[in-house]
C-alpha atoms as a PDB file:
ATOM      1  CA  MET A   1       0.000   0.000   0.000  1.00  0.00           C
ATOM      2  CA  ASN A   2       1.498   3.392  -0.946  1.00  0.00           C
ATOM      3  CA  SER A   3       1.502   6.488   1.274  1.00  0.00           C
ATOM      4  CA  ASN A   4      -1.485   8.009  -0.537  1.00  0.00           C
ATOM      5  CA  GLU A   5      -3.575   4.907   0.123  1.00  0.00           C
ATOM      6  CA  GLN A   6      -2.569   4.878   3.779  1.00  0.00           C
ATOM      7  CA  ASN A   7      -3.409   8.549   4.222  1.00  0.00           C
ATOM      8  CA  ALA A   8      -6.723   8.214   2.418  1.00  0.00           C
ATOM      9  CA  ARG A   9      -7.788   5.174   4.384  1.00  0.00           C
ATOM     10  CA  SER A  10      -6.820   6.758   7.693  1.00  0.00           C
ATOM     11  CA  SER A  11      -9.435   9.440   7.005  1.00  0.00           C
ATOM     12  CA  LYS A  12     -12.136   7.008   5.929  1.00  0.00           C
ATOM     13  CA  PRO A  13     -13.973   6.485   9.253  1.00  0.00           C
ATOM     14  CA  GLU A  14     -14.691  10.178   9.726  1.00  0.00           C
ATOM     15  CA  ALA A  15     -15.949  10.627   6.194  1.00  0.00           C
ATOM     16  CA  GLN A  16     -18.197   7.585   6.338  1.00  0.00           C
ATOM     17  CA  GLY A  17     -19.749   8.848   9.555  1.00  0.00           C
ATOM     18  CA  TYR A  18     -20.464  12.204   7.965  1.00  0.00           C
ATOM     19  CA  HIS A  19     -22.150  10.807   4.865  1.00  0.00           C
ATOM     20  CA  THR A  20     -22.665   7.410   3.248  1.00  0.00           C
ATOM     21  CA  PRO A  21     -21.889   7.720  -0.484  1.00  0.00           C
ATOM     22  CA  VAL A  22     -24.496   6.311  -2.837  1.00  0.00           C
ATOM     23  CA  MET A  23     -23.378   3.725  -5.430  1.00  0.00           C
ATOM     24  CA  LEU A  24     -19.760   4.223  -4.404  1.00  0.00           C
ATOM     25  CA  THR A  25     -18.413   1.190  -6.269  1.00  0.00           C
ATOM     26  CA  GLU A  26     -20.355   1.995  -9.429  1.00  0.00           C
ATOM     27  CA  CYS A  27     -19.095   5.608  -9.413  1.00  0.00           C
ATOM     28  CA  ILE A  28     -15.448   4.614  -9.013  1.00  0.00           C
ATOM     29  CA  GLU A  29     -15.659   1.952 -11.718  1.00  0.00           C
ATOM     30  CA  ALA A  30     -17.357   4.426 -14.047  1.00  0.00           C
ATOM     31  CA  LEU A  31     -14.468   6.877 -13.726  1.00  0.00           C
ATOM     32  CA  ASN A  32     -12.062   4.275 -15.139  1.00  0.00           C
ATOM     33  CA  ILE A  33      -9.291   5.742 -12.988  1.00  0.00           C
ATOM     34  CA  GLN A  34      -5.756   5.743 -14.332  1.00  0.00           C
ATOM     35  CA  PRO A  35      -3.074   5.771 -11.588  1.00  0.00           C
ATOM     36  CA  ASN A  36      -1.330   8.793 -13.093  1.00  0.00           C
ATOM     37  CA  GLY A  37      -4.426  10.705 -14.132  1.00  0.00           C
ATOM     38  CA  ILE A  38      -5.936  13.947 -12.883  1.00  0.00           C
ATOM     39  CA  TYR A  39      -9.503  13.727 -11.561  1.00  0.00           C
ATOM     40  CA  VAL A  40     -12.162  15.987 -10.113  1.00  0.00           C
ATOM     41  CA  ASP A  41     -14.706  15.248  -7.402  1.00  0.00           C
ATOM     42  CA  ALA A  42     -17.048  18.161  -8.029  1.00  0.00           C
ATOM     43  CA  THR A  43     -19.106  17.591  -4.872  1.00  0.00           C
ATOM     44  CA  PHE A  44     -16.821  16.584  -1.986  1.00  0.00           C
ATOM     45  CA  GLY A  45     -19.523  16.442   0.716  1.00  0.00           C
ATOM     46  CA  GLY A  46     -18.243  14.042   3.378  1.00  0.00           C
ATOM     47  CA  GLY A  47     -15.342  12.904   1.217  1.00  0.00           C
ATOM     48  CA  GLY A  48     -16.411   9.311   0.620  1.00  0.00           C
ATOM     49  CA  HIS A  49     -15.943   9.437  -3.143  1.00  0.00           C
ATOM     50  CA  SER A  50     -12.735  11.467  -2.921  1.00  0.00           C
ATOM     51  CA  ILE A  51     -11.137   9.041  -0.475  1.00  0.00           C
ATOM     52  CA  LYS A  52     -11.947   6.102  -2.728  1.00  0.00           C
ATOM     53  CA  ILE A  53     -10.528   7.895  -5.770  1.00  0.00           C
ATOM     54  CA  LEU A  54      -7.297   8.578  -3.881  1.00  0.00           C
ATOM     55  CA  GLU A  55      -6.934   4.863  -3.194  1.00  0.00           C
ATOM     56  CA  HIS A  56      -6.651   4.326  -6.959  1.00  0.00           C
ATOM     57  CA  ILE A  57      -4.247   7.191  -7.655  1.00  0.00           C
ATOM     58  CA  LYS A  58      -0.460   6.712  -7.480  1.00  0.00           C
ATOM     59  CA  GLU A  59       1.273   9.593  -9.221  1.00  0.00           C
ATOM     60  CA  GLY A  60      -1.937  11.312 -10.241  1.00  0.00           C
ATOM     61  CA  ARG A  61      -3.942  14.087  -8.660  1.00  0.00           C
ATOM     62  CA  LEU A  62      -7.426  14.748  -7.296  1.00  0.00           C
ATOM     63  CA  LEU A  63      -9.067  18.153  -7.012  1.00  0.00           C
ATOM     64  CA  SER A  64     -12.294  18.247  -5.014  1.00  0.00           C
ATOM     65  CA  PHE A  65     -14.856  21.048  -4.904  1.00  0.00           C
ATOM     66  CA  ASP A  66     -17.413  22.058  -2.285  1.00  0.00           C
ATOM     67  CA  GLN A  67     -18.732  25.424  -1.129  1.00  0.00           C
ATOM     68  CA  ASP A  68     -19.960  24.105   2.224  1.00  0.00           C
ATOM     69  CA  ASP A  69     -17.921  25.058   5.312  1.00  0.00           C
ATOM     70  CA  ASP A  70     -18.585  21.692   6.976  1.00  0.00           C
ATOM     71  CA  ALA A  71     -17.269  19.902   3.897  1.00  0.00           C
ATOM     72  CA  LYS A  72     -14.106  22.002   4.110  1.00  0.00           C
ATOM     73  CA  GLN A  73     -13.556  20.757   7.652  1.00  0.00           C
ATOM     74  CA  GLU A  74     -13.906  17.163   6.444  1.00  0.00           C
ATOM     75  CA  ALA A  75     -11.464  17.830   3.599  1.00  0.00           C
ATOM     76  CA  GLU A  76      -8.853  19.072   6.052  1.00  0.00           C
ATOM     77  CA  LYS A  77      -8.742  15.558   7.539  1.00  0.00           C
ATOM     78  CA  ILE A  78      -7.307  14.144   4.314  1.00  0.00           C
ATOM     79  CA  ASN A  79      -3.528  14.194   4.369  1.00  0.00           C
ATOM     80  CA  SER A  80      -2.345  13.431   0.858  1.00  0.00           C
ATOM     81  CA  ARG A  81      -0.003  15.267  -1.489  1.00  0.00           C
ATOM     82  CA  SER A  82      -2.229  14.109  -4.351  1.00  0.00           C
ATOM     83  CA  PHE A  83      -5.242  15.953  -2.939  1.00  0.00           C
ATOM     84  CA  THR A  84      -6.323  19.573  -3.430  1.00  0.00           C
ATOM     85  CA  PHE A  85      -9.535  20.997  -1.978  1.00  0.00           C
ATOM     86  CA  CYS A  86     -11.237  23.923  -3.714  1.00  0.00           C
ATOM     87  CA  HIS A  87     -13.642  25.678  -1.335  1.00  0.00           C
ATOM     88  CA  THR A  88     -16.068  26.914  -3.969  1.00  0.00           C
ATOM     89  CA  ASN A  89     -19.112  26.061  -6.081  1.00  0.00           C
ATOM     90  CA  PHE A  90     -18.429  23.650  -8.947  1.00  0.00           C
ATOM     91  CA  LYS A  91     -19.703  26.270 -11.371  1.00  0.00           C
ATOM     92  CA  TYR A  92     -16.195  27.771 -11.054  1.00  0.00           C
ATOM     93  CA  LEU A  93     -14.611  24.528 -12.275  1.00  0.00           C
ATOM     94  CA  LYS A  94     -12.387  25.948 -15.027  1.00  0.00           C
ATOM     95  CA  LYS A  95     -11.263  28.932 -12.974  1.00  0.00           C
ATOM     96  CA  TYR A  96     -10.089  26.874 -10.026  1.00  0.00           C
ATOM     97  CA  LEU A  97      -8.490  24.202 -12.169  1.00  0.00           C
ATOM     98  CA  LYS A  98      -6.479  26.937 -13.853  1.00  0.00           C
ATOM     99  CA  LEU A  99      -5.537  28.446 -10.483  1.00  0.00           C
ATOM    100  CA  ASN A 100      -4.129  25.040  -9.565  1.00  0.00           C
ATOM    101  CA  GLY A 101      -2.196  24.625 -12.809  1.00  0.00           C
ATOM    102  CA  VAL A 102      -4.630  22.198 -14.460  1.00  0.00           C
ATOM    103  CA  THR A 103      -6.094  22.570 -17.952  1.00  0.00           C
ATOM    104  CA  LYS A 104      -7.217  19.013 -18.742  1.00  0.00           C
ATOM    105  CA  VAL A 105      -8.467  16.142 -16.586  1.00  0.00           C
ATOM    106  CA  GLN A 106      -9.147  12.450 -17.190  1.00  0.00           C
ATOM    107  CA  GLY A 107     -12.431  12.311 -15.337  1.00  0.00           C
ATOM    108  CA  ILE A 108     -15.032  14.224 -13.325  1.00  0.00           C
ATOM    109  CA  LEU A 109     -17.465  12.846 -10.775  1.00  0.00           C
ATOM    110  CA  ALA A 110     -20.444  14.842  -9.474  1.00  0.00           C
ATOM    111  CA  ASP A 111     -22.857  13.528  -6.842  1.00  0.00           C
ATOM    112  CA  LEU A 112     -25.617  16.144  -6.949  1.00  0.00           C
ATOM    113  CA  GLY A 113     -27.383  15.107  -3.756  1.00  0.00           C
ATOM    114  CA  ILE A 114     -27.065  17.023  -0.507  1.00  0.00           C
ATOM    115  CA  SER A 115     -25.120  15.168   2.164  1.00  0.00           C
ATOM    116  CA  SER A 116     -26.626  13.236   5.057  1.00  0.00           C
ATOM    117  CA  HIS A 117     -24.790  15.600   7.375  1.00  0.00           C
ATOM    118  CA  GLN A 118     -26.551  18.634   5.915  1.00  0.00           C
ATOM    119  CA  ILE A 119     -29.946  16.956   6.051  1.00  0.00           C
ATOM    120  CA  ASP A 120     -29.417  15.778   9.619  1.00  0.00           C
ATOM    121  CA  SER A 121     -28.282  19.197  10.911  1.00  0.00           C
ATOM    122  CA  PRO A 122     -31.448  21.019  12.104  1.00  0.00           C
ATOM    123  CA  GLU A 123     -29.702  24.396  12.080  1.00  0.00           C
ATOM    124  CA  ARG A 124     -29.204  24.171   8.316  1.00  0.00           C
ATOM    125  CA  GLY A 125     -32.959  23.983   7.632  1.00  0.00           C
ATOM    126  CA  PHE A 126     -32.748  21.352   4.870  1.00  0.00           C
ATOM    127  CA  SER A 127     -34.829  18.681   6.549  1.00  0.00           C
ATOM    128  CA  THR A 128     -38.580  18.451   7.014  1.00  0.00           C
ATOM    129  CA  ARG A 129     -37.982  16.221  10.046  1.00  0.00           C
ATOM    130  CA  PHE A 130     -36.595  18.920  12.322  1.00  0.00           C
ATOM    131  CA  ASP A 131     -37.634  22.391  13.372  1.00  0.00           C
ATOM    132  CA  GLY A 132     -34.886  24.771  12.363  1.00  0.00           C
ATOM    133  CA  PRO A 133     -34.267  28.145  10.738  1.00  0.00           C
ATOM    134  CA  LEU A 134     -35.455  28.543   7.151  1.00  0.00           C
ATOM    135  CA  ASP A 135     -31.899  28.678   5.843  1.00  0.00           C
ATOM    136  CA  MET A 136     -30.997  26.046   3.205  1.00  0.00           C
ATOM    137  CA  ARG A 137     -27.817  27.804   2.074  1.00  0.00           C
ATOM    138  CA  MET A 138     -24.975  25.640   0.810  1.00  0.00           C
ATOM    139  CA  ASP A 139     -22.704  28.671   0.999  1.00  0.00           C
ATOM    140  CA  GLN A 140     -23.216  30.193   4.434  1.00  0.00           C
ATOM    141  CA  LYS A 141     -21.655  33.469   3.282  1.00  0.00           C
ATOM    142  CA  GLN A 142     -24.452  34.334   0.863  1.00  0.00           C
ATOM    143  CA  SER A 143     -27.232  36.557   2.156  1.00  0.00           C
ATOM    144  CA  GLU A 144     -30.384  35.058   0.607  1.00  0.00           C
ATOM    145  CA  THR A 145     -31.994  32.228   2.595  1.00  0.00           C
ATOM    146  CA  ALA A 146     -35.180  30.225   2.219  1.00  0.00           C
ATOM    147  CA  ALA A 147     -36.801  32.709   4.615  1.00  0.00           C
ATOM    148  CA  THR A 148     -35.935  35.521   2.203  1.00  0.00           C
ATOM    149  CA  ILE A 149     -37.767  33.724  -0.590  1.00  0.00           C
ATOM    150  CA  VAL A 150     -40.986  32.884   1.251  1.00  0.00           C
ATOM    151  CA  ASN A 151     -41.148  36.304   2.910  1.00  0.00           C
ATOM    152  CA  GLU A 152     -40.255  38.528  -0.046  1.00  0.00           C
ATOM    153  CA  TYR A 153     -40.928  36.800  -3.382  1.00  0.00           C
ATOM    154  CA  ARG A 154     -44.092  37.693  -5.285  1.00  0.00           C
ATOM    155  CA  GLU A 155     -46.877  35.130  -5.382  1.00  0.00           C
ATOM    156  CA  GLU A 156     -46.385  34.484  -9.109  1.00  0.00           C
ATOM    157  CA  ASP A 157     -42.671  33.840  -8.557  1.00  0.00           C
ATOM    158  CA  LEU A 158     -43.393  31.400  -5.729  1.00  0.00           C
ATOM    159  CA  HIS A 159     -45.909  29.675  -8.001  1.00  0.00           C
ATOM    160  CA  LYS A 160     -43.198  29.207 -10.629  1.00  0.00           C
ATOM    161  CA  ILE A 161     -40.636  27.917  -8.130  1.00  0.00           C
ATOM    162  CA  PHE A 162     -42.999  25.437  -6.493  1.00  0.00           C
ATOM    163  CA  GLY A 163     -44.200  24.181  -9.857  1.00  0.00           C
ATOM    164  CA  MET A 164     -40.870  23.991 -11.669  1.00  0.00           C
ATOM    165  CA  TYR A 165     -38.479  22.953  -8.905  1.00  0.00           C
ATOM    166  CA  GLY A 166     -40.842  21.170  -6.537  1.00  0.00           C
ATOM    167  CA  GLU A 167     -43.182  19.760  -9.183  1.00  0.00           C
ATOM    168  CA  LEU A 168     -46.139  20.469  -6.914  1.00  0.00           C
ATOM    169  CA  LYS A 169     -49.518  19.774  -8.503  1.00  0.00           C
ATOM    170  CA  ASN A 170     -51.060  22.580  -6.443  1.00  0.00           C
ATOM    171  CA  ALA A 171     -48.180  25.034  -6.834  1.00  0.00           C
ATOM    172  CA  LYS A 172     -50.478  28.017  -7.369  1.00  0.00           C
ATOM    173  CA  THR A 173     -52.451  27.257  -4.208  1.00  0.00           C
ATOM    174  CA  ALA A 174     -49.239  26.754  -2.234  1.00  0.00           C
ATOM    175  CA  ALA A 175     -47.935  30.133  -3.361  1.00  0.00           C
ATOM    176  CA  ARG A 176     -51.168  31.804  -2.326  1.00  0.00           C
ATOM    177  CA  MET A 177     -51.114  30.134   1.101  1.00  0.00           C
ATOM    178  CA  VAL A 178     -47.553  31.322   1.711  1.00  0.00           C
ATOM    179  CA  THR A 179     -48.309  34.930   0.789  1.00  0.00           C
ATOM    180  CA  GLN A 180     -51.424  34.944   2.962  1.00  0.00           C
ATOM    181  CA  TYR A 181     -49.621  33.443   5.962  1.00  0.00           C
ATOM    182  CA  ARG A 182     -46.739  35.932   5.932  1.00  0.00           C
ATOM    183  CA  VAL A 183     -49.086  38.928   6.221  1.00  0.00           C
ATOM    184  CA  ASN A 184     -49.613  38.176   9.915  1.00  0.00           C
ATOM    185  CA  LYS A 185     -46.351  36.446  10.739  1.00  0.00           C
ATOM    186  CA  PRO A 186     -43.087  36.437   8.757  1.00  0.00           C
ATOM    187  CA  PHE A 187     -41.630  32.994   8.133  1.00  0.00           C
ATOM    188  CA  ALA A 188     -38.616  32.190  10.296  1.00  0.00           C
ATOM    189  CA  ARG A 189     -38.671  28.440  10.993  1.00  0.00           C
ATOM    190  CA  THR A 190     -39.235  25.290   8.973  1.00  0.00           C
ATOM    191  CA  GLU A 191     -42.246  24.487  11.143  1.00  0.00           C
ATOM    192  CA  ASP A 192     -43.790  27.843  10.149  1.00  0.00           C
ATOM    193  CA  LEU A 193     -43.725  26.778   6.519  1.00  0.00           C
ATOM    194  CA  LYS A 194     -45.161  23.344   7.236  1.00  0.00           C
ATOM    195  CA  ALA A 195     -47.934  24.930   9.300  1.00  0.00           C
ATOM    196  CA  ALA A 196     -48.822  27.313   6.457  1.00  0.00           C
ATOM    197  CA  LEU A 197     -49.151  24.447   3.969  1.00  0.00           C
ATOM    198  CA  SER A 198     -50.470  21.661   6.195  1.00  0.00           C
ATOM    199  CA  SER A 199     -54.083  22.152   5.110  1.00  0.00           C
ATOM    200  CA  ILE A 200     -53.267  21.599   1.404  1.00  0.00           C
ATOM    201  CA  ALA A 201     -50.773  18.739   1.754  1.00  0.00           C
ATOM    202  CA  PRO A 202     -52.214  15.458   0.388  1.00  0.00           C
ATOM    203  CA  ARG A 203     -53.434  13.254   3.220  1.00  0.00           C
ATOM    204  CA  GLY A 204     -51.109  10.377   3.920  1.00  0.00           C
ATOM    205  CA  LYS A 205     -48.398  11.936   1.724  1.00  0.00           C
ATOM    206  CA  GLU A 206     -47.564  14.987   3.829  1.00  0.00           C
ATOM    207  CA  ASN A 207     -43.894  14.117   4.220  1.00  0.00           C
ATOM    208  CA  LYS A 208     -43.383  13.723   0.474  1.00  0.00           C
ATOM    209  CA  TYR A 209     -45.225  16.976  -0.174  1.00  0.00           C
ATOM    210  CA  PHE A 210     -43.150  18.972   2.302  1.00  0.00           C
ATOM    211  CA  ALA A 211     -39.987  17.399   0.874  1.00  0.00           C
ATOM    212  CA  GLN A 212     -40.967  18.721  -2.564  1.00  0.00           C
ATOM    213  CA  VAL A 213     -41.576  22.197  -1.134  1.00  0.00           C
ATOM    214  CA  PHE A 214     -38.207  22.179   0.630  1.00  0.00           C
ATOM    215  CA  GLN A 215     -36.510  20.903  -2.521  1.00  0.00           C
ATOM    216  CA  ALA A 216     -37.955  23.782  -4.528  1.00  0.00           C
ATOM    217  CA  LEU A 217     -36.719  26.359  -2.034  1.00  0.00           C
ATOM    218  CA  ARG A 218     -33.277  24.770  -1.738  1.00  0.00           C
ATOM    219  CA  ILE A 219     -32.828  24.803  -5.518  1.00  0.00           C
ATOM    220  CA  GLU A 220     -33.830  28.472  -5.675  1.00  0.00           C
ATOM    221  CA  VAL A 221     -31.701  29.533  -2.703  1.00  0.00           C
ATOM    222  CA  ASN A 222     -28.589  27.955  -4.181  1.00  0.00           C
ATOM    223  CA  ALA A 223     -29.348  28.636  -7.871  1.00  0.00           C
ATOM    224  CA  GLU A 224     -28.678  24.960  -8.433  1.00  0.00           C
ATOM    225  CA  MET A 225     -30.003  24.627 -11.956  1.00  0.00           C
ATOM    226  CA  LYS A 226     -27.875  27.465 -13.345  1.00  0.00           C
ATOM    227  CA  ALA A 227     -24.820  26.184 -11.485  1.00  0.00           C
ATOM    228  CA  LEU A 228     -25.351  22.705 -12.935  1.00  0.00           C
ATOM    229  CA  GLU A 229     -25.747  24.064 -16.459  1.00  0.00           C
ATOM    230  CA  ASP A 230     -22.534  26.098 -16.169  1.00  0.00           C
ATOM    231  CA  PHE A 231     -20.690  23.142 -14.692  1.00  0.00           C
ATOM    232  CA  LEU A 232     -21.748  20.649 -17.349  1.00  0.00           C
ATOM    233  CA  HIS A 233     -20.664  22.866 -20.222  1.00  0.00           C
ATOM    234  CA  GLN A 234     -17.263  23.371 -18.595  1.00  0.00           C
ATOM    235  CA  CYS A 235     -16.868  19.609 -18.259  1.00  0.00           C
ATOM    236  CA  GLY A 236     -16.935  19.361 -22.025  1.00  0.00           C
ATOM    237  CA  GLU A 237     -14.034  21.783 -22.207  1.00  0.00           C
ATOM    238  CA  VAL A 238     -11.732  20.331 -19.553  1.00  0.00           C
ATOM    239  CA  ILE A 239     -12.146  16.553 -19.900  1.00  0.00           C
ATOM    240  CA  GLU A 240      -9.665  15.133 -22.400  1.00  0.00           C
ATOM    241  CA  LYS A 241     -10.509  12.660 -25.169  1.00  0.00           C
ATOM    242  CA  ASN A 242     -11.753   9.301 -23.836  1.00  0.00           C
ATOM    243  CA  GLY A 243     -12.069  10.804 -20.356  1.00  0.00           C
ATOM    244  CA  ARG A 244     -15.157  10.157 -18.257  1.00  0.00           C
ATOM    245  CA  LEU A 245     -18.006  12.279 -16.969  1.00  0.00           C
ATOM    246  CA  VAL A 246     -19.906  10.572 -14.136  1.00  0.00           C
ATOM    247  CA  VAL A 247     -22.961  12.333 -12.700  1.00  0.00           C
ATOM    248  CA  MET A 248     -25.428  11.103 -10.095  1.00  0.00           C
ATOM    249  CA  SER A 249     -28.701  13.018  -9.738  1.00  0.00           C
ATOM    250  CA  TYR A 250     -31.635  12.680  -7.381  1.00  0.00           C
ATOM    251  CA  HIS A 251     -34.581  14.391  -9.026  1.00  0.00           C
ATOM    252  CA  SER A 252     -35.986  14.520 -12.538  1.00  0.00           C
ATOM    253  CA  LEU A 253     -34.945  18.103 -13.279  1.00  0.00           C
ATOM    254  CA  GLU A 254     -31.264  17.372 -12.708  1.00  0.00           C
ATOM    255  CA  ASP A 255     -31.371  14.035 -14.471  1.00  0.00           C
ATOM    256  CA  ARG A 256     -33.044  15.577 -17.515  1.00  0.00           C
ATOM    257  CA  MET A 257     -30.374  18.260 -17.732  1.00  0.00           C
ATOM    258  CA  VAL A 258     -27.552  15.726 -17.450  1.00  0.00           C
ATOM    259  CA  LYS A 259     -29.165  13.415 -20.003  1.00  0.00           C
ATOM    260  CA  ASN A 260     -29.709  16.272 -22.457  1.00  0.00           C
ATOM    261  CA  TYR A 261     -26.143  17.494 -22.121  1.00  0.00           C
ATOM    262  CA  ILE A 262     -24.670  14.053 -22.721  1.00  0.00           C
ATOM    263  CA  ASN A 263     -26.954  13.277 -25.670  1.00  0.00           C
ATOM    264  CA  LYS A 264     -27.204  16.726 -27.256  1.00  0.00           C
ATOM    265  CA  GLY A 265     -24.215  18.713 -26.045  1.00  0.00           C
ATOM    266  CA  LYS A 266     -26.478  21.242 -24.409  1.00  0.00           C
ATOM    267  CA  VAL A 267     -28.808  21.307 -21.432  1.00  0.00           C
ATOM    268  CA  PHE A 268     -31.681  22.871 -23.359  1.00  0.00           C
ATOM    269  CA  GLY A 269     -32.579  22.695 -27.032  1.00  0.00           C
ATOM    270  CA  ASP A 270     -31.741  20.307 -29.858  1.00  0.00           C
ATOM    271  CA  VAL A 271     -28.339  18.986 -30.806  1.00  0.00           C
ATOM    272  CA  GLU A 272     -26.437  21.097 -33.339  1.00  0.00           C
ATOM    273  CA  LYS A 273     -24.981  19.607 -36.513  1.00  0.00           C
ATOM    274  CA  ASP A 274     -22.066  20.571 -38.715  1.00  0.00           C
ATOM    275  CA  PHE A 275     -22.186  21.162 -42.477  1.00  0.00           C
ATOM    276  CA  TYR A 276     -22.082  17.424 -43.127  1.00  0.00           C
ATOM    277  CA  GLY A 277     -24.871  16.583 -40.715  1.00  0.00           C
ATOM    278  CA  ASN A 278     -22.622  15.265 -37.960  1.00  0.00           C
ATOM    279  CA  GLU A 279     -23.809  15.974 -34.430  1.00  0.00           C
ATOM    280  CA  ILE A 280     -21.727  18.501 -32.526  1.00  0.00           C
ATOM    281  CA  LYS A 281     -21.445  17.276 -28.964  1.00  0.00           C
ATOM    282  CA  PRO A 282     -18.509  16.544 -26.651  1.00  0.00           C
ATOM    283  CA  PHE A 283     -19.682  13.242 -25.133  1.00  0.00           C
ATOM    284  CA  GLU A 284     -21.273   9.938 -25.942  1.00  0.00           C
ATOM    285  CA  ALA A 285     -23.315   8.043 -23.403  1.00  0.00           C
ATOM    286  CA  ILE A 286     -21.861   4.823 -22.019  1.00  0.00           C
ATOM    287  CA  ASN A 287     -25.141   3.808 -20.393  1.00  0.00           C
ATOM    288  CA  ARG A 288     -28.307   4.644 -22.315  1.00  0.00           C
ATOM    289  CA  LYS A 289     -30.427   4.178 -19.226  1.00  0.00           C
ATOM    290  CA  PRO A 290     -29.340   5.517 -15.848  1.00  0.00           C
ATOM    291  CA  ILE A 291     -27.879   3.065 -13.345  1.00  0.00           C
ATOM    292  CA  GLU A 292     -29.891   2.774 -10.143  1.00  0.00           C
ATOM    293  CA  ALA A 293     -29.003   1.502  -6.691  1.00  0.00           C
ATOM    294  CA  THR A 294     -29.645  -2.126  -5.831  1.00  0.00           C
ATOM    295  CA  GLU A 295     -32.427  -3.092  -3.472  1.00  0.00           C
ATOM    296  CA  ALA A 296     -29.797  -4.176  -0.961  1.00  0.00           C
ATOM    297  CA  GLU A 297     -28.195  -0.715  -0.967  1.00  0.00           C
ATOM    298  CA  ILE A 298     -31.565   1.035  -0.751  1.00  0.00           C
ATOM    299  CA  GLU A 299     -32.397  -1.088   2.269  1.00  0.00           C
ATOM    300  CA  GLN A 300     -29.207   0.142   3.951  1.00  0.00           C
ATOM    301  CA  ASN A 301     -29.456   3.732   2.711  1.00  0.00           C
ATOM    302  CA  LYS A 302     -32.959   5.014   1.875  1.00  0.00           C
ATOM    303  CA  ARG A 303     -31.531   8.116   0.193  1.00  0.00           C
ATOM    304  CA  ALA A 304     -30.192   5.895  -2.595  1.00  0.00           C
ATOM    305  CA  ARG A 305     -33.740   5.179  -3.798  1.00  0.00           C
ATOM    306  CA  SER A 306     -34.010   8.182  -6.125  1.00  0.00           C
ATOM    307  CA  ALA A 307     -30.395   8.201  -7.357  1.00  0.00           C
ATOM    308  CA  LYS A 308     -29.714   7.926 -11.087  1.00  0.00           C
ATOM    309  CA  LEU A 309     -26.172   7.514 -12.364  1.00  0.00           C
ATOM    310  CA  ARG A 310     -25.180   8.546 -15.894  1.00  0.00           C
ATOM    311  CA  ILE A 311     -21.778   7.919 -17.461  1.00  0.00           C
ATOM    312  CA  ALA A 312     -20.321   9.485 -20.595  1.00  0.00           C
ATOM    313  CA  LYS A 313     -17.051   9.348 -22.514  1.00  0.00           C
ATOM    314  CA  LYS A 314     -15.420  12.358 -24.152  1.00  0.00           C
ATOM    315  CA  ILE A 315     -15.414  11.984 -27.903  1.00  0.00           C
END
């Protein structure tokens, strides 16, 4: 075992306690890691994927991204000369690769789900299971929170957010309920929001409904869709020929964007063609249908149920 493997494995217990990576083996195999290659973990989280990548790297290099302060603390536990942590949103992929002397990489992995640690921390406001502040910021330095949105956005904007990002069937009604509630009492806590919408949540499916509402707000707070679009297009520029793009998503909006980019070279719109009718796109899909977690893994980790893994090779 080389020094990098020893260092990576010494950090493994802490990372696993912070967050259990979904489809870890499948993700690592999909990257097709070369011992001397340069790789990116675009969503470090608790470090589970990064640590496993480091076990396969000898003379290569891994650069991991995450804007979350808690993730930065986890990254500081990894003692490896092959490892570089970039404390920023993955939408700044090219900029931070350049700052670290990298122009091309052999593979990029992005696990788009929020970490178990974030969900299980009441003070972050991500979970419907705990009463906490309506925060939901990945980057704690930004000013806009979920409370800002529900207290200040216009009803028509809330309608759009709930419908597009939360896929609520009664998005218009939900937006109206929120704007009516805040007249008498500004939203401050997650329980305030649940109380405002409790009367319109489908009976027997309240938890799923509130999860969709929280998802919508989290996506808006963190501008996740725009960040993902920017990130994907940069992947096409920095991954070298035959390199791998491995992306795991957890809701249909993300998965659709990833699928479109791989198949069409763009997140929205139709594929472009050159003068001879050849499609202009940087990747080809390795798996036509997304890979999903096994029943055994789902039984151990319920959050794996909605995960969809897509793999592409740079043309």
